[in-house]
């Protein structure tokens, strides 16, 4: 809720800044090193979810590689984005678009990128978009034996699962007890709630494009450039922005039902494997099946 976000934000404001070590930054540090770090973080997170019984990662799950966002789509992808591979592609490699870095790093940029890599600033993005988020879920769907479950890519399932994972990874101590990370997680929840408001008001004529931008900037303290590109996307894909929060809420309801059904045999990994085994169908259908509304 907004009150929880504000209360945690007030606590974070009183915390001392993280120690700023005097790093030795090699002159040879370049964009290739940044991209190598991104790939390393992806691999580390995959190992973590397996070793901590968060979810099963079958050998059939393909790799995910970071790539710099191409110029032609930078107008609608301001930050990062996952590009899945199709279910019938012979080579199952997902791509993770990241912000392009400069060909030649200045001393200031080199320092910023080096510190970002050193403090593992990419962890949250990987949890949401790669493991256990988008990449794992879509890869599992791509290998589902049911043709219908394989070809479906329901927005509430895809986006809801990633948003669910973002918070659950914090609760499972993937980031330790870092309150700043918790604040960022709450900020993501707030952002996706705002997406629902803007989505509905845009498509019902209650907001113009500019009103949507102004409202999000004012309520989220966000950069105008970022929000403009977000709203560009919302105008292109009605209802898609609402799928994040709606999907997550359905998954939480399904988890409660599943936990009751399994009783003492329940574990978080079993629930996650159950969801990942459903393919790309809507969580609404999964909920109805568990409640006996459909068979």
C-alpha atoms as a PDB file:
ATOM      1  CA  UNK A   1       0.000   0.000   0.000  1.00  0.00           C
ATOM      2  CA  UNK A   2       0.979   3.651  -0.312  1.00  0.00           C
ATOM      3  CA  UNK A   3       1.226   3.960   3.489  1.00  0.00           C
ATOM      4  CA  UNK A   4       3.640   1.021   3.725  1.00  0.00           C
ATOM      5  CA  UNK A   5       5.778   2.477   0.938  1.00  0.00           C
ATOM      6  CA  UNK A   6       5.888   5.862   2.672  1.00  0.00           C
ATOM      7  CA  UNK A   7       6.773   4.329   6.055  1.00  0.00           C
ATOM      8  CA  UNK A   8       9.608   2.199   4.634  1.00  0.00           C
ATOM      9  CA  UNK A   9      10.814   5.174   2.604  1.00  0.00           C
ATOM     10  CA  UNK A  10      10.997   7.256   5.784  1.00  0.00           C
ATOM     11  CA  UNK A  11      13.090   4.539   7.470  1.00  0.00           C
ATOM     12  CA  UNK A  12      15.417   4.226   4.469  1.00  0.00           C
ATOM     13  CA  UNK A  13      15.978   7.988   4.524  1.00  0.00           C
ATOM     14  CA  UNK A  14      17.434   7.660   8.029  1.00  0.00           C
ATOM     15  CA  UNK A  15      19.861   4.882   7.092  1.00  0.00           C
ATOM     16  CA  UNK A  16      23.509   5.713   6.487  1.00  0.00           C
ATOM     17  CA  UNK A  17      24.572   5.594   2.880  1.00  0.00           C
ATOM     18  CA  UNK A  18      26.253   2.345   1.803  1.00  0.00           C
ATOM     19  CA  UNK A  19      30.003   2.530   2.276  1.00  0.00           C
ATOM     20  CA  UNK A  20      31.601   3.963  -0.828  1.00  0.00           C
ATOM     21  CA  UNK A  21      34.824   2.020  -1.211  1.00  0.00           C
ATOM     22  CA  UNK A  22      37.715   3.527  -3.095  1.00  0.00           C
ATOM     23  CA  UNK A  23      37.742   0.968  -5.894  1.00  0.00           C
ATOM     24  CA  UNK A  24      40.652   0.525  -8.225  1.00  0.00           C
ATOM     25  CA  UNK A  25      38.993   0.797 -11.617  1.00  0.00           C
ATOM     26  CA  UNK A  26      41.140  -0.592 -14.419  1.00  0.00           C
ATOM     27  CA  UNK A  27      41.445   1.534 -17.536  1.00  0.00           C
ATOM     28  CA  UNK A  28      40.729  -1.589 -19.574  1.00  0.00           C
ATOM     29  CA  UNK A  29      37.221  -1.911 -18.094  1.00  0.00           C
ATOM     30  CA  UNK A  30      34.858  -1.634 -21.061  1.00  0.00           C
ATOM     31  CA  UNK A  31      31.354  -2.366 -22.351  1.00  0.00           C
ATOM     32  CA  UNK A  32      32.234  -6.027 -22.939  1.00  0.00           C
ATOM     33  CA  UNK A  33      32.964  -6.380 -19.229  1.00  0.00           C
ATOM     34  CA  UNK A  34      29.548  -4.898 -18.431  1.00  0.00           C
ATOM     35  CA  UNK A  35      27.837  -7.382 -20.747  1.00  0.00           C
ATOM     36  CA  UNK A  36      29.879 -10.231 -19.243  1.00  0.00           C
ATOM     37  CA  UNK A  37      28.676  -9.170 -15.796  1.00  0.00           C
ATOM     38  CA  UNK A  38      25.059  -9.258 -16.967  1.00  0.00           C
ATOM     39  CA  UNK A  39      25.520 -12.833 -18.201  1.00  0.00           C
ATOM     40  CA  UNK A  40      27.274 -13.832 -14.977  1.00  0.00           C
ATOM     41  CA  UNK A  41      24.393 -12.461 -12.893  1.00  0.00           C
ATOM     42  CA  UNK A  42      21.890 -14.430 -14.957  1.00  0.00           C
ATOM     43  CA  UNK A  43      23.847 -17.645 -14.367  1.00  0.00           C
ATOM     44  CA  UNK A  44      24.246 -16.945 -10.638  1.00  0.00           C
ATOM     45  CA  UNK A  45      20.524 -16.348 -10.170  1.00  0.00           C
ATOM     46  CA  UNK A  46      19.658 -19.564 -11.969  1.00  0.00           C
ATOM     47  CA  UNK A  47      21.936 -21.476  -9.598  1.00  0.00           C
ATOM     48  CA  UNK A  48      20.397 -19.717  -6.575  1.00  0.00           C
ATOM     49  CA  UNK A  49      16.788 -20.646  -7.297  1.00  0.00           C
ATOM     50  CA  UNK A  50      17.818 -24.287  -7.716  1.00  0.00           C
ATOM     51  CA  UNK A  51      20.033 -24.484  -4.617  1.00  0.00           C
ATOM     52  CA  UNK A  52      17.425 -22.701  -2.449  1.00  0.00           C
ATOM     53  CA  UNK A  53      14.493 -24.869  -3.620  1.00  0.00           C
ATOM     54  CA  UNK A  54      12.657 -21.919  -5.136  1.00  0.00           C
ATOM     55  CA  UNK A  55      11.867 -23.760  -8.366  1.00  0.00           C
ATOM     56  CA  UNK A  56      13.046 -26.634 -10.532  1.00  0.00           C
ATOM     57  CA  UNK A  57      14.991 -25.688 -13.668  1.00  0.00           C
ATOM     58  CA  UNK A  58      14.911 -28.622 -16.115  1.00  0.00           C
ATOM     59  CA  UNK A  59      17.849 -29.224 -18.435  1.00  0.00           C
ATOM     60  CA  UNK A  60      15.561 -28.433 -21.376  1.00  0.00           C
ATOM     61  CA  UNK A  61      15.365 -24.759 -20.379  1.00  0.00           C
ATOM     62  CA  UNK A  62      17.409 -22.763 -22.871  1.00  0.00           C
ATOM     63  CA  UNK A  63      19.901 -20.015 -22.170  1.00  0.00           C
ATOM     64  CA  UNK A  64      19.127 -16.328 -21.818  1.00  0.00           C
ATOM     65  CA  UNK A  65      21.646 -13.851 -23.201  1.00  0.00           C
ATOM     66  CA  UNK A  66      21.831 -10.089 -22.589  1.00  0.00           C
ATOM     67  CA  UNK A  67      21.871  -7.898 -25.712  1.00  0.00           C
ATOM     68  CA  UNK A  68      21.925  -4.145 -26.094  1.00  0.00           C
ATOM     69  CA  UNK A  69      18.552  -2.689 -27.084  1.00  0.00           C
ATOM     70  CA  UNK A  70      18.437  -1.993 -30.809  1.00  0.00           C
ATOM     71  CA  UNK A  71      17.995   1.619 -31.897  1.00  0.00           C
ATOM     72  CA  UNK A  72      14.683   1.025 -33.672  1.00  0.00           C
ATOM     73  CA  UNK A  73      12.846   0.003 -30.474  1.00  0.00           C
ATOM     74  CA  UNK A  74      14.420   2.399 -27.973  1.00  0.00           C
ATOM     75  CA  UNK A  75      11.410   4.689 -28.268  1.00  0.00           C
ATOM     76  CA  UNK A  76       9.195   2.120 -26.547  1.00  0.00           C
ATOM     77  CA  UNK A  77      11.802   0.313 -24.415  1.00  0.00           C
ATOM     78  CA  UNK A  78      13.341   2.921 -22.157  1.00  0.00           C
ATOM     79  CA  UNK A  79      14.913   0.547 -19.672  1.00  0.00           C
ATOM     80  CA  UNK A  80      15.182  -3.236 -19.963  1.00  0.00           C
ATOM     81  CA  UNK A  81      12.937  -5.890 -21.498  1.00  0.00           C
ATOM     82  CA  UNK A  82      12.853  -9.631 -22.091  1.00  0.00           C
ATOM     83  CA  UNK A  83      12.377 -10.962 -25.627  1.00  0.00           C
ATOM     84  CA  UNK A  84      11.178 -14.576 -25.545  1.00  0.00           C
ATOM     85  CA  UNK A  85      11.808 -17.140 -28.226  1.00  0.00           C
ATOM     86  CA  UNK A  86       8.827 -18.742 -29.963  1.00  0.00           C
ATOM     87  CA  UNK A  87       7.569 -22.149 -28.812  1.00  0.00           C
ATOM     88  CA  UNK A  88       8.466 -23.887 -32.082  1.00  0.00           C
ATOM     89  CA  UNK A  89      11.918 -22.390 -32.631  1.00  0.00           C
ATOM     90  CA  UNK A  90      14.598 -25.101 -32.811  1.00  0.00           C
ATOM     91  CA  UNK A  91      17.058 -22.969 -30.814  1.00  0.00           C
ATOM     92  CA  UNK A  92      15.510 -21.925 -27.499  1.00  0.00           C
ATOM     93  CA  UNK A  93      17.589 -18.894 -26.501  1.00  0.00           C
ATOM     94  CA  UNK A  94      15.870 -15.918 -24.867  1.00  0.00           C
ATOM     95  CA  UNK A  95      17.199 -12.386 -25.195  1.00  0.00           C
ATOM     96  CA  UNK A  96      17.321  -9.779 -22.471  1.00  0.00           C
ATOM     97  CA  UNK A  97      17.441  -6.225 -23.801  1.00  0.00           C
ATOM     98  CA  UNK A  98      19.592  -3.913 -21.678  1.00  0.00           C
ATOM     99  CA  UNK A  99      20.385  -0.237 -21.943  1.00  0.00           C
ATOM    100  CA  UNK A 100      23.148   0.398 -24.481  1.00  0.00           C
ATOM    101  CA  UNK A 101      26.477   1.463 -23.045  1.00  0.00           C
ATOM    102  CA  UNK A 102      28.840   3.811 -24.797  1.00  0.00           C
ATOM    103  CA  UNK A 103      31.446   2.443 -27.178  1.00  0.00           C
ATOM    104  CA  UNK A 104      34.150   4.380 -25.369  1.00  0.00           C
ATOM    105  CA  UNK A 105      33.582   4.920 -21.655  1.00  0.00           C
ATOM    106  CA  UNK A 106      34.672   8.184 -20.072  1.00  0.00           C
ATOM    107  CA  UNK A 107      36.307   7.987 -16.649  1.00  0.00           C
ATOM    108  CA  UNK A 108      33.009   8.974 -15.006  1.00  0.00           C
ATOM    109  CA  UNK A 109      30.988   6.393 -16.950  1.00  0.00           C
ATOM    110  CA  UNK A 110      33.605   3.718 -16.378  1.00  0.00           C
ATOM    111  CA  UNK A 111      33.432   4.376 -12.634  1.00  0.00           C
ATOM    112  CA  UNK A 112      29.611   4.282 -12.594  1.00  0.00           C
ATOM    113  CA  UNK A 113      29.406   1.033 -14.566  1.00  0.00           C
ATOM    114  CA  UNK A 114      32.165  -0.590 -12.499  1.00  0.00           C
ATOM    115  CA  UNK A 115      30.433   0.249  -9.217  1.00  0.00           C
ATOM    116  CA  UNK A 116      27.110  -0.969 -10.625  1.00  0.00           C
ATOM    117  CA  UNK A 117      28.671  -4.316 -11.463  1.00  0.00           C
ATOM    118  CA  UNK A 118      30.506  -4.538  -8.142  1.00  0.00           C
ATOM    119  CA  UNK A 119      27.377  -3.972  -6.057  1.00  0.00           C
ATOM    120  CA  UNK A 120      25.455  -6.409  -8.290  1.00  0.00           C
ATOM    121  CA  UNK A 121      22.904  -3.842  -9.351  1.00  0.00           C
ATOM    122  CA  UNK A 122      21.420  -6.181 -11.963  1.00  0.00           C
ATOM    123  CA  UNK A 123      20.066  -8.772  -9.510  1.00  0.00           C
ATOM    124  CA  UNK A 124      16.537  -7.418  -9.302  1.00  0.00           C
ATOM    125  CA  UNK A 125      16.159  -7.171 -13.070  1.00  0.00           C
ATOM    126  CA  UNK A 126      17.280 -10.771 -13.510  1.00  0.00           C
ATOM    127  CA  UNK A 127      14.833 -12.055 -10.888  1.00  0.00           C
ATOM    128  CA  UNK A 128      11.956 -10.359 -12.695  1.00  0.00           C
ATOM    129  CA  UNK A 129      12.850 -10.934 -16.335  1.00  0.00           C
ATOM    130  CA  UNK A 130      14.948 -14.108 -16.394  1.00  0.00           C
ATOM    131  CA  UNK A 131      15.102 -16.447 -13.368  1.00  0.00           C
ATOM    132  CA  UNK A 132      12.619 -17.214 -11.947  1.00  0.00           C
ATOM    133  CA  UNK A 133      10.586 -14.647 -13.908  1.00  0.00           C
ATOM    134  CA  UNK A 134       9.787 -14.327 -17.601  1.00  0.00           C
ATOM    135  CA  UNK A 135      12.468 -16.528 -19.135  1.00  0.00           C
ATOM    136  CA  UNK A 136      11.888 -19.555 -16.908  1.00  0.00           C
ATOM    137  CA  UNK A 137       8.097 -19.316 -17.142  1.00  0.00           C
ATOM    138  CA  UNK A 138       8.014 -18.947 -20.922  1.00  0.00           C
ATOM    139  CA  UNK A 139      10.657 -21.624 -21.449  1.00  0.00           C
ATOM    140  CA  UNK A 140       8.624 -24.047 -19.337  1.00  0.00           C
ATOM    141  CA  UNK A 141       5.545 -23.165 -21.384  1.00  0.00           C
ATOM    142  CA  UNK A 142       7.475 -23.670 -24.636  1.00  0.00           C
ATOM    143  CA  UNK A 143       8.241 -27.244 -23.564  1.00  0.00           C
ATOM    144  CA  UNK A 144       4.758 -28.068 -22.267  1.00  0.00           C
ATOM    145  CA  UNK A 145       3.428 -31.309 -23.830  1.00  0.00           C
ATOM    146  CA  UNK A 146       0.032 -29.679 -24.419  1.00  0.00           C
ATOM    147  CA  UNK A 147      -0.069 -27.733 -27.692  1.00  0.00           C
ATOM    148  CA  UNK A 148      -2.675 -25.344 -26.293  1.00  0.00           C
ATOM    149  CA  UNK A 149      -0.665 -24.575 -23.159  1.00  0.00           C
ATOM    150  CA  UNK A 150       2.462 -24.173 -25.284  1.00  0.00           C
ATOM    151  CA  UNK A 151       1.090 -21.621 -27.728  1.00  0.00           C
ATOM    152  CA  UNK A 152      -0.850 -19.566 -25.174  1.00  0.00           C
ATOM    153  CA  UNK A 153       0.970 -16.588 -23.691  1.00  0.00           C
ATOM    154  CA  UNK A 154      -1.635 -15.080 -21.430  1.00  0.00           C
ATOM    155  CA  UNK A 155      -0.680 -11.602 -20.255  1.00  0.00           C
ATOM    156  CA  UNK A 156      -1.886 -12.140 -16.691  1.00  0.00           C
ATOM    157  CA  UNK A 157       0.194 -15.300 -16.391  1.00  0.00           C
ATOM    158  CA  UNK A 158       3.366 -13.895 -17.943  1.00  0.00           C
ATOM    159  CA  UNK A 159       3.375 -10.500 -16.230  1.00  0.00           C
ATOM    160  CA  UNK A 160       1.705 -11.663 -13.041  1.00  0.00           C
ATOM    161  CA  UNK A 161       4.296 -14.408 -12.533  1.00  0.00           C
ATOM    162  CA  UNK A 162       7.217 -12.004 -12.985  1.00  0.00           C
ATOM    163  CA  UNK A 163       5.743  -9.473 -10.565  1.00  0.00           C
ATOM    164  CA  UNK A 164       4.999 -12.246  -8.063  1.00  0.00           C
ATOM    165  CA  UNK A 165       8.598 -13.457  -8.310  1.00  0.00           C
ATOM    166  CA  UNK A 166       9.986  -9.983  -7.722  1.00  0.00           C
ATOM    167  CA  UNK A 167       8.478  -9.782  -4.241  1.00  0.00           C
ATOM    168  CA  UNK A 168       8.827 -13.476  -3.399  1.00  0.00           C
ATOM    169  CA  UNK A 169      12.563 -13.438  -4.118  1.00  0.00           C
ATOM    170  CA  UNK A 170      12.924 -10.680  -1.542  1.00  0.00           C
ATOM    171  CA  UNK A 171      10.898 -12.647   0.991  1.00  0.00           C
ATOM    172  CA  UNK A 172      13.105 -15.692   0.369  1.00  0.00           C
ATOM    173  CA  UNK A 173      16.190 -13.588   1.274  1.00  0.00           C
ATOM    174  CA  UNK A 174      17.673 -13.430  -2.218  1.00  0.00           C
ATOM    175  CA  UNK A 175      18.758  -9.877  -1.355  1.00  0.00           C
ATOM    176  CA  UNK A 176      19.350 -10.457   2.342  1.00  0.00           C
ATOM    177  CA  UNK A 177      17.524  -7.985   4.590  1.00  0.00           C
ATOM    178  CA  UNK A 178      18.286  -4.881   2.557  1.00  0.00           C
ATOM    179  CA  UNK A 179      15.515  -2.351   3.241  1.00  0.00           C
ATOM    180  CA  UNK A 180      16.489  -0.383   0.155  1.00  0.00           C
ATOM    181  CA  UNK A 181      15.698  -3.412  -1.968  1.00  0.00           C
ATOM    182  CA  UNK A 182      12.402  -3.861  -0.136  1.00  0.00           C
ATOM    183  CA  UNK A 183      11.576  -0.231  -0.885  1.00  0.00           C
ATOM    184  CA  UNK A 184      12.351  -0.830  -4.549  1.00  0.00           C
ATOM    185  CA  UNK A 185      10.046  -3.873  -4.494  1.00  0.00           C
ATOM    186  CA  UNK A 186       7.255  -1.825  -2.947  1.00  0.00           C
ATOM    187  CA  UNK A 187       7.934   0.860  -5.527  1.00  0.00           C
ATOM    188  CA  UNK A 188       7.393  -1.703  -8.263  1.00  0.00           C
ATOM    189  CA  UNK A 189       4.050  -2.703  -6.733  1.00  0.00           C
ATOM    190  CA  UNK A 190       3.031   0.956  -6.585  1.00  0.00           C
ATOM    191  CA  UNK A 191       4.141   1.485 -10.180  1.00  0.00           C
ATOM    192  CA  UNK A 192       2.062  -1.438 -11.426  1.00  0.00           C
ATOM    193  CA  UNK A 193      -0.981  -0.237  -9.505  1.00  0.00           C
ATOM    194  CA  UNK A 194      -0.553   3.113 -11.263  1.00  0.00           C
ATOM    195  CA  UNK A 195      -0.361   1.268 -14.574  1.00  0.00           C
ATOM    196  CA  UNK A 196      -3.850  -0.122 -13.975  1.00  0.00           C
ATOM    197  CA  UNK A 197      -5.281   3.342 -13.342  1.00  0.00           C
ATOM    198  CA  UNK A 198      -3.698   4.810 -16.464  1.00  0.00           C
ATOM    199  CA  UNK A 199      -4.622   1.808 -18.608  1.00  0.00           C
ATOM    200  CA  UNK A 200      -8.315   2.103 -17.774  1.00  0.00           C
ATOM    201  CA  UNK A 201      -8.466   5.887 -18.036  1.00  0.00           C
ATOM    202  CA  UNK A 202      -6.615   5.985 -21.349  1.00  0.00           C
ATOM    203  CA  UNK A 203      -8.868   3.438 -22.992  1.00  0.00           C
ATOM    204  CA  UNK A 204     -12.097   4.960 -21.641  1.00  0.00           C
ATOM    205  CA  UNK A 205     -11.207   8.491 -22.682  1.00  0.00           C
ATOM    206  CA  UNK A 206     -10.762   9.819 -19.141  1.00  0.00           C
ATOM    207  CA  UNK A 207      -7.080  10.566 -19.810  1.00  0.00           C
ATOM    208  CA  UNK A 208      -5.394  12.024 -22.840  1.00  0.00           C
ATOM    209  CA  UNK A 209      -1.857  10.882 -23.558  1.00  0.00           C
ATOM    210  CA  UNK A 210      -0.420  13.972 -21.869  1.00  0.00           C
ATOM    211  CA  UNK A 211      -2.712  13.678 -18.855  1.00  0.00           C
ATOM    212  CA  UNK A 212      -1.566  10.085 -18.384  1.00  0.00           C
ATOM    213  CA  UNK A 213       2.084  11.146 -18.516  1.00  0.00           C
ATOM    214  CA  UNK A 214       1.550  14.050 -16.118  1.00  0.00           C
ATOM    215  CA  UNK A 215      -0.407  11.906 -13.642  1.00  0.00           C
ATOM    216  CA  UNK A 216       2.245   9.167 -13.511  1.00  0.00           C
ATOM    217  CA  UNK A 217       5.115  11.643 -13.200  1.00  0.00           C
ATOM    218  CA  UNK A 218       3.345  13.468 -10.363  1.00  0.00           C
ATOM    219  CA  UNK A 219       2.337  10.340  -8.435  1.00  0.00           C
ATOM    220  CA  UNK A 220       5.454   8.243  -8.947  1.00  0.00           C
ATOM    221  CA  UNK A 221       8.204  10.881  -8.882  1.00  0.00           C
ATOM    222  CA  UNK A 222       9.411   9.362 -12.137  1.00  0.00           C
ATOM    223  CA  UNK A 223      11.422  10.810 -15.009  1.00  0.00           C
ATOM    224  CA  UNK A 224       9.338  12.295 -17.799  1.00  0.00           C
ATOM    225  CA  UNK A 225      11.328  10.566 -20.551  1.00  0.00           C
ATOM    226  CA  UNK A 226      10.780   7.137 -19.006  1.00  0.00           C
ATOM    227  CA  UNK A 227       7.046   7.676 -18.451  1.00  0.00           C
ATOM    228  CA  UNK A 228       6.506   9.010 -21.969  1.00  0.00           C
ATOM    229  CA  UNK A 229       7.873   5.794 -23.424  1.00  0.00           C
ATOM    230  CA  UNK A 230       5.795   3.748 -20.996  1.00  0.00           C
ATOM    231  CA  UNK A 231       2.579   5.521 -21.983  1.00  0.00           C
ATOM    232  CA  UNK A 232       3.513   5.140 -25.662  1.00  0.00           C
ATOM    233  CA  UNK A 233       3.390   1.411 -25.050  1.00  0.00           C
ATOM    234  CA  UNK A 234       0.113   1.577 -23.114  1.00  0.00           C
ATOM    235  CA  UNK A 235      -1.610   3.262 -26.062  1.00  0.00           C
ATOM    236  CA  UNK A 236      -0.376   0.445 -28.284  1.00  0.00           C
ATOM    237  CA  UNK A 237      -1.552  -2.442 -26.078  1.00  0.00           C
ATOM    238  CA  UNK A 238      -4.837  -1.848 -24.219  1.00  0.00           C
ATOM    239  CA  UNK A 239      -5.331  -3.977 -21.046  1.00  0.00           C
ATOM    240  CA  UNK A 240      -1.720  -5.196 -21.107  1.00  0.00           C
ATOM    241  CA  UNK A 241      -0.612  -2.794 -18.325  1.00  0.00           C
ATOM    242  CA  UNK A 242      -3.368  -4.102 -16.029  1.00  0.00           C
ATOM    243  CA  UNK A 243      -2.188  -7.696 -16.329  1.00  0.00           C
ATOM    244  CA  UNK A 244       0.747  -7.311 -13.949  1.00  0.00           C
ATOM    245  CA  UNK A 245      -1.196  -6.701 -10.737  1.00  0.00           C
ATOM    246  CA  UNK A 246      -4.260  -8.734 -11.712  1.00  0.00           C
ATOM    247  CA  UNK A 247      -2.101 -11.729 -12.551  1.00  0.00           C
ATOM    248  CA  UNK A 248      -0.106 -11.493  -9.339  1.00  0.00           C
ATOM    249  CA  UNK A 249      -3.251 -11.296  -7.207  1.00  0.00           C
ATOM    250  CA  UNK A 250      -4.672 -14.391  -8.886  1.00  0.00           C
ATOM    251  CA  UNK A 251      -1.429 -16.287  -8.295  1.00  0.00           C
ATOM    252  CA  UNK A 252      -1.558 -15.414  -4.602  1.00  0.00           C
ATOM    253  CA  UNK A 253      -5.138 -16.706  -4.409  1.00  0.00           C
ATOM    254  CA  UNK A 254      -4.084 -19.890  -6.207  1.00  0.00           C
ATOM    255  CA  UNK A 255      -1.213 -20.335  -3.753  1.00  0.00           C
ATOM    256  CA  UNK A 256      -3.609 -20.197  -0.798  1.00  0.00           C
ATOM    257  CA  UNK A 257      -5.824 -22.839  -2.406  1.00  0.00           C
ATOM    258  CA  UNK A 258      -2.875 -25.048  -3.320  1.00  0.00           C
ATOM    259  CA  UNK A 259      -1.424 -24.795   0.179  1.00  0.00           C
ATOM    260  CA  UNK A 260      -4.736 -25.854   1.709  1.00  0.00           C
ATOM    261  CA  UNK A 261      -5.044 -28.737  -0.737  1.00  0.00           C
ATOM    262  CA  UNK A 262      -1.552 -30.137  -0.038  1.00  0.00           C
ATOM    263  CA  UNK A 263      -1.510 -29.486   3.692  1.00  0.00           C
ATOM    264  CA  UNK A 264       1.723 -30.703   5.296  1.00  0.00           C
ATOM    265  CA  UNK A 265       3.050 -31.824   1.911  1.00  0.00           C
ATOM    266  CA  UNK A 266       3.077 -28.227   0.672  1.00  0.00           C
ATOM    267  CA  UNK A 267       6.327 -26.453  -0.149  1.00  0.00           C
ATOM    268  CA  UNK A 268       7.048 -23.250  -2.017  1.00  0.00           C
ATOM    269  CA  UNK A 269       9.004 -25.140  -4.673  1.00  0.00           C
ATOM    270  CA  UNK A 270       6.083 -27.518  -5.259  1.00  0.00           C
ATOM    271  CA  UNK A 271       3.752 -24.563  -5.765  1.00  0.00           C
ATOM    272  CA  UNK A 272       6.128 -22.828  -8.155  1.00  0.00           C
ATOM    273  CA  UNK A 273       6.679 -26.034 -10.123  1.00  0.00           C
ATOM    274  CA  UNK A 274       2.908 -26.489 -10.271  1.00  0.00           C
ATOM    275  CA  UNK A 275       2.400 -23.012 -11.725  1.00  0.00           C
ATOM    276  CA  UNK A 276       5.291 -23.341 -14.164  1.00  0.00           C
ATOM    277  CA  UNK A 277       3.855 -26.656 -15.313  1.00  0.00           C
ATOM    278  CA  UNK A 278       0.585 -25.015 -16.363  1.00  0.00           C
ATOM    279  CA  UNK A 279       2.074 -23.464 -19.479  1.00  0.00           C
ATOM    280  CA  UNK A 280       0.909 -20.080 -20.709  1.00  0.00           C
ATOM    281  CA  UNK A 281      -2.795 -20.307 -19.861  1.00  0.00           C
ATOM    282  CA  UNK A 282      -4.595 -17.691 -17.778  1.00  0.00           C
ATOM    283  CA  UNK A 283      -4.310 -17.985 -13.985  1.00  0.00           C
ATOM    284  CA  UNK A 284      -8.079 -17.426 -13.932  1.00  0.00           C
ATOM    285  CA  UNK A 285      -8.489 -20.879 -15.494  1.00  0.00           C
ATOM    286  CA  UNK A 286      -6.107 -22.439 -12.974  1.00  0.00           C
ATOM    287  CA  UNK A 287      -8.073 -20.853 -10.136  1.00  0.00           C
ATOM    288  CA  UNK A 288     -11.373 -22.105 -11.532  1.00  0.00           C
ATOM    289  CA  UNK A 289      -9.955 -25.611 -11.904  1.00  0.00           C
ATOM    290  CA  UNK A 290      -8.768 -25.690  -8.289  1.00  0.00           C
ATOM    291  CA  UNK A 291     -12.151 -24.448  -7.073  1.00  0.00           C
ATOM    292  CA  UNK A 292     -14.049 -27.039  -9.114  1.00  0.00           C
ATOM    293  CA  UNK A 293     -15.650 -24.567 -11.506  1.00  0.00           C
ATOM    294  CA  UNK A 294     -14.107 -26.291 -14.532  1.00  0.00           C
ATOM    295  CA  UNK A 295     -12.688 -29.777 -15.036  1.00  0.00           C
END
